[in-house]
N, C-alpha and C. Protein backbone atom coordinates (compact mmCIF):
# COMPACT_ATOMS: atom_id res chain seq x y z
N UNK A 1 18.31 35.32 -14.67
CA UNK A 1 18.25 33.92 -14.33
C UNK A 1 19.43 33.21 -14.99
N UNK A 2 20.12 32.36 -14.24
CA UNK A 2 21.26 31.65 -14.79
C UNK A 2 20.79 30.45 -15.60
N UNK A 3 21.64 29.88 -16.46
CA UNK A 3 21.24 28.75 -17.29
C UNK A 3 20.87 27.52 -16.45
N UNK A 4 21.35 27.42 -15.22
CA UNK A 4 21.05 26.25 -14.40
C UNK A 4 19.83 26.45 -13.50
N UNK A 5 19.28 27.66 -13.45
CA UNK A 5 18.09 27.93 -12.63
C UNK A 5 16.84 27.58 -13.41
N UNK A 6 16.01 26.66 -12.88
CA UNK A 6 14.80 26.30 -13.63
C UNK A 6 13.80 27.46 -13.61
N UNK A 7 13.07 27.61 -14.71
CA UNK A 7 12.07 28.66 -14.73
C UNK A 7 10.82 28.20 -13.99
N UNK A 8 9.96 29.13 -13.69
CA UNK A 8 8.76 28.85 -12.88
C UNK A 8 7.87 27.78 -13.52
N UNK A 9 7.71 27.83 -14.82
CA UNK A 9 6.86 26.88 -15.53
C UNK A 9 7.40 25.45 -15.37
N UNK A 10 8.70 25.27 -15.45
CA UNK A 10 9.32 23.95 -15.29
C UNK A 10 9.12 23.43 -13.88
N UNK A 11 9.28 24.30 -12.90
CA UNK A 11 9.10 23.89 -11.50
C UNK A 11 7.65 23.48 -11.26
N UNK A 12 6.70 24.27 -11.75
CA UNK A 12 5.29 23.93 -11.57
C UNK A 12 4.92 22.63 -12.28
N UNK A 13 5.45 22.40 -13.46
CA UNK A 13 5.16 21.17 -14.19
C UNK A 13 5.72 19.96 -13.43
N UNK A 14 6.93 20.09 -12.91
CA UNK A 14 7.53 18.99 -12.16
C UNK A 14 6.75 18.71 -10.88
N UNK A 15 6.33 19.76 -10.19
CA UNK A 15 5.55 19.58 -8.96
C UNK A 15 4.21 18.90 -9.27
N UNK A 16 3.58 19.29 -10.34
CA UNK A 16 2.32 18.67 -10.74
C UNK A 16 2.49 17.20 -11.07
N UNK A 17 3.57 16.87 -11.76
CA UNK A 17 3.84 15.47 -12.09
C UNK A 17 4.05 14.65 -10.84
N UNK A 18 4.75 15.20 -9.87
CA UNK A 18 4.97 14.47 -8.62
C UNK A 18 3.67 14.24 -7.85
N UNK A 19 2.78 15.22 -7.87
CA UNK A 19 1.50 15.06 -7.18
C UNK A 19 0.64 13.99 -7.82
N UNK A 20 0.73 13.85 -9.13
CA UNK A 20 -0.08 12.88 -9.84
C UNK A 20 0.55 11.49 -9.89
N UNK A 21 1.83 11.37 -9.61
CA UNK A 21 2.55 10.10 -9.77
C UNK A 21 1.95 8.95 -8.97
N UNK A 22 1.64 9.09 -7.68
CA UNK A 22 1.11 7.92 -6.96
C UNK A 22 -0.21 7.42 -7.54
N UNK A 23 -1.10 8.31 -7.91
CA UNK A 23 -2.40 7.90 -8.45
C UNK A 23 -2.21 7.29 -9.83
N UNK A 24 -1.34 7.87 -10.65
CA UNK A 24 -1.10 7.31 -11.98
C UNK A 24 -0.49 5.92 -11.87
N UNK A 25 0.42 5.72 -10.92
CA UNK A 25 1.04 4.42 -10.71
C UNK A 25 -0.03 3.38 -10.40
N UNK A 26 -1.02 3.76 -9.63
CA UNK A 26 -2.06 2.81 -9.20
C UNK A 26 -3.00 2.46 -10.34
N UNK A 27 -3.01 3.21 -11.41
CA UNK A 27 -4.01 3.01 -12.45
C UNK A 27 -3.56 2.19 -13.64
N UNK A 28 -2.38 1.63 -13.63
CA UNK A 28 -1.91 0.97 -14.84
C UNK A 28 -1.62 -0.50 -14.62
N UNK A 29 -2.40 -1.33 -15.30
CA UNK A 29 -2.16 -2.75 -15.33
C UNK A 29 -2.36 -3.46 -14.00
N UNK A 30 -2.09 -4.75 -14.03
CA UNK A 30 -2.26 -5.60 -12.86
C UNK A 30 -0.93 -5.89 -12.18
N UNK A 31 0.20 -5.61 -12.83
CA UNK A 31 1.50 -6.05 -12.33
C UNK A 31 1.90 -5.45 -10.99
N UNK A 32 1.40 -4.28 -10.64
CA UNK A 32 1.78 -3.67 -9.36
C UNK A 32 0.96 -4.19 -8.19
N UNK A 33 0.00 -5.07 -8.46
CA UNK A 33 -0.86 -5.60 -7.42
C UNK A 33 -0.45 -7.02 -7.06
N UNK A 34 -0.56 -7.37 -5.77
CA UNK A 34 -0.19 -8.70 -5.28
C UNK A 34 -1.31 -9.69 -5.61
N UNK A 35 -1.15 -10.40 -6.72
CA UNK A 35 -2.19 -11.31 -7.18
C UNK A 35 -2.15 -12.67 -6.49
N UNK A 36 -1.25 -12.84 -5.54
CA UNK A 36 -1.20 -14.07 -4.75
C UNK A 36 -1.99 -13.95 -3.46
N UNK A 37 -2.56 -12.80 -3.22
CA UNK A 37 -3.28 -12.57 -1.97
C UNK A 37 -4.59 -11.83 -2.26
N UNK A 38 -5.63 -12.56 -2.67
CA UNK A 38 -6.92 -11.90 -2.94
C UNK A 38 -7.53 -11.36 -1.65
N UNK A 39 -8.02 -10.14 -1.74
CA UNK A 39 -8.60 -9.42 -0.60
C UNK A 39 -10.11 -9.29 -0.82
N UNK A 40 -10.86 -9.53 0.24
CA UNK A 40 -12.32 -9.37 0.21
C UNK A 40 -12.69 -8.09 0.96
N UNK A 41 -13.54 -7.28 0.33
CA UNK A 41 -14.08 -6.08 0.95
C UNK A 41 -15.59 -6.02 0.72
N UNK A 42 -16.30 -5.42 1.65
CA UNK A 42 -17.72 -5.14 1.43
C UNK A 42 -18.06 -3.83 2.12
N UNK A 43 -19.02 -3.15 1.54
CA UNK A 43 -19.44 -1.87 2.10
C UNK A 43 -20.38 -1.15 1.16
N UNK A 44 -20.33 0.17 1.22
CA UNK A 44 -21.20 1.01 0.40
C UNK A 44 -20.36 2.02 -0.38
N UNK A 45 -20.79 2.28 -1.60
CA UNK A 45 -20.11 3.26 -2.44
C UNK A 45 -20.32 4.66 -1.85
N UNK A 46 -19.22 5.36 -1.58
CA UNK A 46 -19.28 6.70 -1.01
C UNK A 46 -19.22 7.77 -2.10
N UNK A 47 -18.41 7.54 -3.10
CA UNK A 47 -18.32 8.40 -4.28
C UNK A 47 -18.15 7.47 -5.47
N UNK A 48 -18.59 7.88 -6.64
CA UNK A 48 -18.48 7.05 -7.83
C UNK A 48 -18.04 7.91 -9.01
N UNK A 49 -17.07 7.42 -9.77
CA UNK A 49 -16.62 8.08 -10.99
C UNK A 49 -16.75 7.05 -12.12
N UNK A 50 -17.87 7.09 -12.82
CA UNK A 50 -18.21 6.11 -13.86
C UNK A 50 -17.72 6.66 -15.19
N UNK A 51 -16.43 6.49 -15.47
CA UNK A 51 -15.83 7.05 -16.69
C UNK A 51 -14.54 6.31 -17.01
N UNK A 52 -14.00 6.58 -18.18
CA UNK A 52 -12.70 6.05 -18.57
C UNK A 52 -11.61 6.91 -17.96
N UNK A 53 -10.40 6.42 -17.72
CA UNK A 53 -9.88 5.18 -18.29
C UNK A 53 -10.44 3.92 -17.63
N UNK A 54 -10.98 4.02 -16.44
CA UNK A 54 -11.72 2.92 -15.83
C UNK A 54 -12.58 3.49 -14.72
N UNK A 55 -13.58 2.72 -14.34
CA UNK A 55 -14.50 3.13 -13.29
C UNK A 55 -13.77 3.07 -11.95
N UNK A 56 -14.02 4.07 -11.11
CA UNK A 56 -13.43 4.13 -9.78
C UNK A 56 -14.49 4.55 -8.78
N UNK A 57 -14.32 4.12 -7.55
CA UNK A 57 -15.19 4.62 -6.49
C UNK A 57 -14.51 4.46 -5.15
N UNK A 58 -15.01 5.18 -4.18
CA UNK A 58 -14.56 5.06 -2.80
C UNK A 58 -15.55 4.16 -2.08
N UNK A 59 -15.03 3.18 -1.38
CA UNK A 59 -15.85 2.21 -0.65
C UNK A 59 -15.70 2.45 0.85
N UNK A 60 -16.81 2.69 1.53
CA UNK A 60 -16.82 2.75 2.99
C UNK A 60 -17.10 1.34 3.48
N UNK A 61 -16.12 0.76 4.16
CA UNK A 61 -16.24 -0.63 4.58
C UNK A 61 -17.35 -0.82 5.60
N UNK A 62 -17.94 -2.02 5.57
CA UNK A 62 -18.88 -2.42 6.60
C UNK A 62 -18.17 -2.40 7.94
N UNK A 63 -18.86 -1.99 8.99
CA UNK A 63 -18.26 -1.93 10.33
C UNK A 63 -17.86 -3.31 10.81
N UNK A 64 -18.61 -4.33 10.41
CA UNK A 64 -18.33 -5.70 10.86
C UNK A 64 -17.77 -6.55 9.71
N UNK A 65 -16.82 -6.01 8.98
CA UNK A 65 -16.25 -6.70 7.82
C UNK A 65 -15.77 -8.09 8.21
N UNK A 66 -16.27 -9.09 7.48
CA UNK A 66 -15.84 -10.47 7.69
C UNK A 66 -16.03 -11.23 6.38
N UNK A 67 -15.30 -12.34 6.24
CA UNK A 67 -15.46 -13.17 5.06
C UNK A 67 -16.81 -13.87 5.12
N UNK A 68 -17.60 -13.82 4.06
CA UNK A 68 -18.87 -14.54 4.06
C UNK A 68 -18.63 -16.05 4.12
N UNK A 69 -19.47 -16.76 4.85
CA UNK A 69 -19.32 -18.21 5.00
C UNK A 69 -19.39 -18.92 3.65
N UNK A 70 -20.16 -18.36 2.70
CA UNK A 70 -20.33 -19.01 1.40
C UNK A 70 -19.35 -18.54 0.32
N UNK A 71 -18.41 -17.67 0.66
CA UNK A 71 -17.55 -17.06 -0.36
C UNK A 71 -16.83 -18.11 -1.20
N UNK A 72 -16.22 -19.10 -0.58
CA UNK A 72 -15.43 -20.10 -1.30
C UNK A 72 -16.27 -20.94 -2.26
N UNK A 73 -17.57 -21.00 -2.03
CA UNK A 73 -18.43 -21.83 -2.88
C UNK A 73 -19.26 -21.02 -3.89
N UNK A 74 -19.07 -19.73 -3.94
CA UNK A 74 -19.83 -18.91 -4.88
C UNK A 74 -19.42 -19.19 -6.31
N UNK A 75 -20.38 -19.14 -7.20
CA UNK A 75 -20.11 -19.28 -8.63
C UNK A 75 -19.64 -17.93 -9.17
N UNK A 76 -18.66 -17.97 -10.06
CA UNK A 76 -18.20 -16.76 -10.73
C UNK A 76 -18.23 -16.99 -12.24
N UNK A 77 -18.50 -15.96 -13.00
CA UNK A 77 -18.61 -16.13 -14.46
C UNK A 77 -17.25 -16.36 -15.11
N UNK A 78 -17.27 -17.08 -16.22
CA UNK A 78 -16.05 -17.33 -16.99
C UNK A 78 -15.63 -16.05 -17.71
N UNK A 79 -14.32 -15.88 -17.78
CA UNK A 79 -13.75 -14.72 -18.48
C UNK A 79 -12.92 -15.19 -19.66
N UNK A 80 -12.63 -14.29 -20.58
CA UNK A 80 -11.77 -14.64 -21.71
C UNK A 80 -10.31 -14.79 -21.28
N UNK A 81 -9.92 -14.17 -20.18
CA UNK A 81 -8.57 -14.34 -19.64
C UNK A 81 -8.56 -15.57 -18.72
N UNK A 82 -7.42 -16.24 -18.63
CA UNK A 82 -7.35 -17.42 -17.76
C UNK A 82 -7.27 -17.01 -16.28
N UNK A 83 -8.41 -17.01 -15.61
CA UNK A 83 -8.50 -16.65 -14.20
C UNK A 83 -9.13 -17.83 -13.46
N UNK A 84 -8.47 -18.32 -12.42
CA UNK A 84 -9.02 -19.41 -11.62
C UNK A 84 -9.85 -18.82 -10.50
N UNK A 85 -11.07 -18.45 -10.83
CA UNK A 85 -11.97 -17.82 -9.87
C UNK A 85 -12.19 -18.63 -8.61
N UNK A 86 -12.51 -19.92 -8.71
CA UNK A 86 -12.73 -20.71 -7.50
C UNK A 86 -11.51 -20.71 -6.56
N UNK A 87 -10.31 -20.78 -7.12
CA UNK A 87 -9.10 -20.74 -6.28
C UNK A 87 -8.96 -19.39 -5.59
N UNK A 88 -9.28 -18.31 -6.30
CA UNK A 88 -9.20 -16.98 -5.70
C UNK A 88 -10.20 -16.85 -4.56
N UNK A 89 -11.41 -17.36 -4.75
CA UNK A 89 -12.42 -17.29 -3.70
C UNK A 89 -11.97 -18.07 -2.47
N UNK A 90 -11.37 -19.23 -2.67
CA UNK A 90 -10.91 -20.05 -1.54
C UNK A 90 -9.75 -19.39 -0.81
N UNK A 91 -8.94 -18.62 -1.51
CA UNK A 91 -7.76 -17.97 -0.91
C UNK A 91 -8.06 -16.59 -0.34
N UNK A 92 -9.29 -16.12 -0.47
CA UNK A 92 -9.65 -14.76 -0.06
C UNK A 92 -9.32 -14.50 1.41
N UNK A 93 -8.85 -13.29 1.67
CA UNK A 93 -8.50 -12.85 3.02
C UNK A 93 -9.07 -11.46 3.24
N UNK A 94 -9.18 -11.09 4.49
CA UNK A 94 -9.51 -9.71 4.83
C UNK A 94 -8.22 -8.90 4.82
N UNK A 95 -8.31 -7.61 4.59
CA UNK A 95 -7.09 -6.79 4.65
C UNK A 95 -6.57 -6.72 6.09
N UNK A 96 -5.27 -6.53 6.22
CA UNK A 96 -4.69 -6.36 7.56
C UNK A 96 -4.71 -4.89 7.97
N UNK A 97 -4.71 -4.00 7.01
CA UNK A 97 -4.75 -2.57 7.32
C UNK A 97 -6.13 -2.20 7.86
N UNK A 98 -6.21 -1.13 8.59
CA UNK A 98 -7.45 -0.76 9.29
C UNK A 98 -8.20 0.41 8.65
N UNK A 99 -7.87 0.76 7.42
CA UNK A 99 -8.57 1.86 6.74
C UNK A 99 -10.05 1.54 6.65
N UNK A 100 -10.89 2.53 6.89
CA UNK A 100 -12.34 2.35 6.78
C UNK A 100 -12.84 2.71 5.38
N UNK A 101 -11.99 3.38 4.61
CA UNK A 101 -12.35 3.78 3.25
C UNK A 101 -11.26 3.31 2.30
N UNK A 102 -11.68 2.68 1.20
CA UNK A 102 -10.76 2.18 0.19
C UNK A 102 -11.10 2.79 -1.17
N UNK A 103 -10.07 3.03 -1.96
CA UNK A 103 -10.23 3.45 -3.34
C UNK A 103 -10.30 2.17 -4.18
N UNK A 104 -11.37 2.00 -4.94
CA UNK A 104 -11.57 0.78 -5.73
C UNK A 104 -11.49 1.12 -7.21
N UNK A 105 -10.71 0.32 -7.93
CA UNK A 105 -10.58 0.46 -9.38
C UNK A 105 -11.28 -0.70 -10.05
N UNK A 106 -12.20 -0.39 -10.94
CA UNK A 106 -12.90 -1.41 -11.71
C UNK A 106 -12.31 -1.45 -13.12
N UNK A 107 -13.06 -1.90 -14.08
CA UNK A 107 -12.60 -2.04 -15.46
C UNK A 107 -12.95 -0.80 -16.28
N UNK A 108 -12.41 -0.71 -17.51
CA UNK A 108 -12.82 0.37 -18.42
C UNK A 108 -14.31 0.24 -18.75
N UNK A 109 -14.90 1.34 -19.17
CA UNK A 109 -16.34 1.35 -19.47
C UNK A 109 -16.76 0.31 -20.50
N UNK A 110 -15.94 0.10 -21.55
CA UNK A 110 -16.34 -0.87 -22.57
C UNK A 110 -16.48 -2.26 -21.95
N UNK A 111 -15.63 -2.60 -20.97
CA UNK A 111 -15.72 -3.91 -20.34
C UNK A 111 -16.89 -3.97 -19.36
N UNK A 112 -17.14 -2.87 -18.66
CA UNK A 112 -18.29 -2.81 -17.76
C UNK A 112 -19.57 -3.03 -18.56
N UNK A 113 -19.64 -2.42 -19.75
CA UNK A 113 -20.80 -2.58 -20.62
C UNK A 113 -20.90 -4.01 -21.16
N UNK A 114 -19.76 -4.63 -21.49
CA UNK A 114 -19.78 -6.01 -21.99
C UNK A 114 -20.36 -6.96 -20.94
N UNK A 115 -20.07 -6.67 -19.67
CA UNK A 115 -20.60 -7.51 -18.59
C UNK A 115 -22.04 -7.13 -18.22
N UNK A 116 -22.50 -5.98 -18.70
CA UNK A 116 -23.85 -5.54 -18.38
C UNK A 116 -23.98 -5.04 -16.96
N UNK A 117 -22.89 -4.59 -16.39
CA UNK A 117 -22.95 -4.10 -15.01
C UNK A 117 -23.57 -2.71 -15.00
N UNK A 118 -24.64 -2.53 -14.22
CA UNK A 118 -25.27 -1.20 -14.14
C UNK A 118 -24.38 -0.23 -13.37
N UNK A 119 -24.54 1.03 -13.67
CA UNK A 119 -23.74 2.07 -13.01
C UNK A 119 -24.01 2.07 -11.51
N UNK A 120 -22.93 2.05 -10.73
CA UNK A 120 -23.06 2.15 -9.28
C UNK A 120 -23.50 3.55 -8.90
N UNK A 121 -24.25 3.64 -7.85
CA UNK A 121 -24.69 4.92 -7.29
C UNK A 121 -24.18 5.04 -5.87
N UNK A 122 -24.00 6.25 -5.40
CA UNK A 122 -23.60 6.48 -4.02
C UNK A 122 -24.61 5.80 -3.10
N UNK A 123 -24.11 5.05 -2.15
CA UNK A 123 -24.95 4.33 -1.21
C UNK A 123 -25.20 2.88 -1.57
N UNK A 124 -24.88 2.47 -2.81
CA UNK A 124 -25.08 1.08 -3.21
C UNK A 124 -24.19 0.15 -2.40
N UNK A 125 -24.75 -0.99 -2.00
CA UNK A 125 -23.99 -2.04 -1.32
C UNK A 125 -23.18 -2.81 -2.36
N UNK A 126 -21.91 -3.07 -2.04
CA UNK A 126 -21.00 -3.73 -2.97
C UNK A 126 -20.11 -4.70 -2.19
N UNK A 127 -19.86 -5.86 -2.79
CA UNK A 127 -18.85 -6.79 -2.29
C UNK A 127 -17.81 -6.93 -3.38
N UNK A 128 -16.56 -7.09 -2.97
CA UNK A 128 -15.47 -7.13 -3.94
C UNK A 128 -14.44 -8.18 -3.56
N UNK A 129 -13.83 -8.76 -4.58
CA UNK A 129 -12.65 -9.57 -4.40
C UNK A 129 -11.64 -9.01 -5.37
N UNK A 130 -10.46 -8.67 -4.87
CA UNK A 130 -9.46 -8.08 -5.73
C UNK A 130 -8.10 -8.09 -5.07
N UNK A 131 -7.27 -7.19 -5.52
CA UNK A 131 -5.87 -7.18 -5.09
C UNK A 131 -5.43 -5.78 -4.70
N UNK A 132 -4.55 -5.72 -3.73
CA UNK A 132 -3.94 -4.46 -3.33
C UNK A 132 -2.43 -4.61 -3.50
N UNK A 133 -1.69 -3.62 -3.11
CA UNK A 133 -0.25 -3.65 -3.28
C UNK A 133 0.38 -4.65 -2.32
N UNK A 134 1.51 -5.22 -2.70
CA UNK A 134 2.22 -6.19 -1.86
C UNK A 134 2.47 -5.60 -0.48
N UNK A 135 2.18 -6.39 0.55
CA UNK A 135 2.36 -5.93 1.92
C UNK A 135 1.36 -4.87 2.32
N UNK A 136 0.37 -4.62 1.48
CA UNK A 136 -0.65 -3.59 1.72
C UNK A 136 -0.02 -2.22 1.95
N UNK A 137 1.13 -2.00 1.33
CA UNK A 137 1.81 -0.70 1.49
C UNK A 137 1.16 0.34 0.60
N UNK A 138 1.42 1.58 0.92
CA UNK A 138 0.87 2.68 0.13
C UNK A 138 -0.58 2.95 0.47
N UNK A 139 -1.30 3.51 -0.48
CA UNK A 139 -2.71 3.85 -0.29
C UNK A 139 -3.57 2.60 -0.19
N UNK A 140 -4.73 2.75 0.41
CA UNK A 140 -5.72 1.67 0.47
C UNK A 140 -6.43 1.61 -0.87
N UNK A 141 -5.87 0.84 -1.79
CA UNK A 141 -6.38 0.72 -3.16
C UNK A 141 -6.67 -0.75 -3.43
N UNK A 142 -7.82 -1.03 -4.02
CA UNK A 142 -8.16 -2.39 -4.42
C UNK A 142 -8.46 -2.41 -5.90
N UNK A 143 -7.79 -3.28 -6.63
CA UNK A 143 -8.07 -3.52 -8.05
C UNK A 143 -9.02 -4.71 -8.09
N UNK A 144 -10.26 -4.48 -8.46
CA UNK A 144 -11.30 -5.51 -8.36
C UNK A 144 -11.21 -6.55 -9.47
N UNK A 145 -11.27 -7.80 -9.06
CA UNK A 145 -11.38 -8.95 -9.97
C UNK A 145 -12.85 -9.33 -10.14
N UNK A 146 -13.57 -9.37 -9.01
CA UNK A 146 -15.00 -9.69 -9.00
C UNK A 146 -15.75 -8.65 -8.19
N UNK A 147 -16.95 -8.33 -8.67
CA UNK A 147 -17.83 -7.39 -7.98
C UNK A 147 -19.20 -8.05 -7.84
N UNK A 148 -19.72 -8.02 -6.62
CA UNK A 148 -21.09 -8.46 -6.37
C UNK A 148 -21.89 -7.20 -6.08
N UNK A 149 -22.89 -6.94 -6.93
CA UNK A 149 -23.72 -5.74 -6.77
C UNK A 149 -25.11 -6.04 -7.30
N UNK A 150 -26.11 -5.54 -6.63
CA UNK A 150 -27.51 -5.69 -7.06
C UNK A 150 -27.87 -7.15 -7.34
N UNK A 151 -27.34 -8.07 -6.53
CA UNK A 151 -27.70 -9.47 -6.65
C UNK A 151 -27.00 -10.25 -7.75
N UNK A 152 -25.99 -9.65 -8.41
CA UNK A 152 -25.27 -10.33 -9.48
C UNK A 152 -23.77 -10.22 -9.23
N UNK A 153 -23.02 -11.10 -9.90
CA UNK A 153 -21.56 -11.05 -9.83
C UNK A 153 -21.01 -10.72 -11.21
N UNK A 154 -19.97 -9.90 -11.23
CA UNK A 154 -19.33 -9.48 -12.47
C UNK A 154 -17.84 -9.75 -12.36
N UNK A 155 -17.25 -10.28 -13.43
CA UNK A 155 -15.81 -10.51 -13.50
C UNK A 155 -15.22 -9.38 -14.33
N UNK A 156 -14.07 -8.85 -13.90
CA UNK A 156 -13.60 -7.62 -14.56
C UNK A 156 -12.22 -7.70 -15.19
N UNK A 157 -11.53 -8.82 -15.05
CA UNK A 157 -10.18 -8.91 -15.63
C UNK A 157 -10.23 -8.81 -17.15
N UNK A 158 -11.23 -9.43 -17.75
CA UNK A 158 -11.33 -9.46 -19.20
C UNK A 158 -12.81 -9.49 -19.60
N UNK A 159 -13.05 -9.79 -20.84
CA UNK A 159 -14.42 -9.84 -21.35
C UNK A 159 -15.09 -11.17 -20.98
N UNK A 160 -16.41 -11.22 -21.06
CA UNK A 160 -17.09 -12.49 -20.81
C UNK A 160 -16.62 -13.56 -21.79
N UNK A 161 -16.50 -14.79 -21.30
CA UNK A 161 -16.06 -15.90 -22.15
C UNK A 161 -17.23 -16.45 -22.95
């Protein structure tokens, strides 16, 4: 093998890093999400991963997805981070993409516990308001700001105020 030929271990490590890159990119912070365009989704949890670094699940959208008539007037809990919940609810839109299944990212477990949100189960009905990538490019991923589940609403950007 010449000094410029990569060994098999290096090639496999690089290939593995490339396979993980899109998912890792989606999992860090809020900056990669378009926070000027809140997206509303509703449906049922298809798979659930209730673990750190944050809770994730696949959402199968309702067949008749539409903005609820009362969405703009819903009460949302105060958070320790400065989030204008009422403005986000008023600006909510449906996604333009036609994916029937979305990958949803919630908060880390310690924050889920602080809000008292019970663990989601497959089949649970869920409503969400959150953010996806600018222009809805890439994977169908939603970073949730608010979750409505089991008759309650949870804010996930920060801890309860």
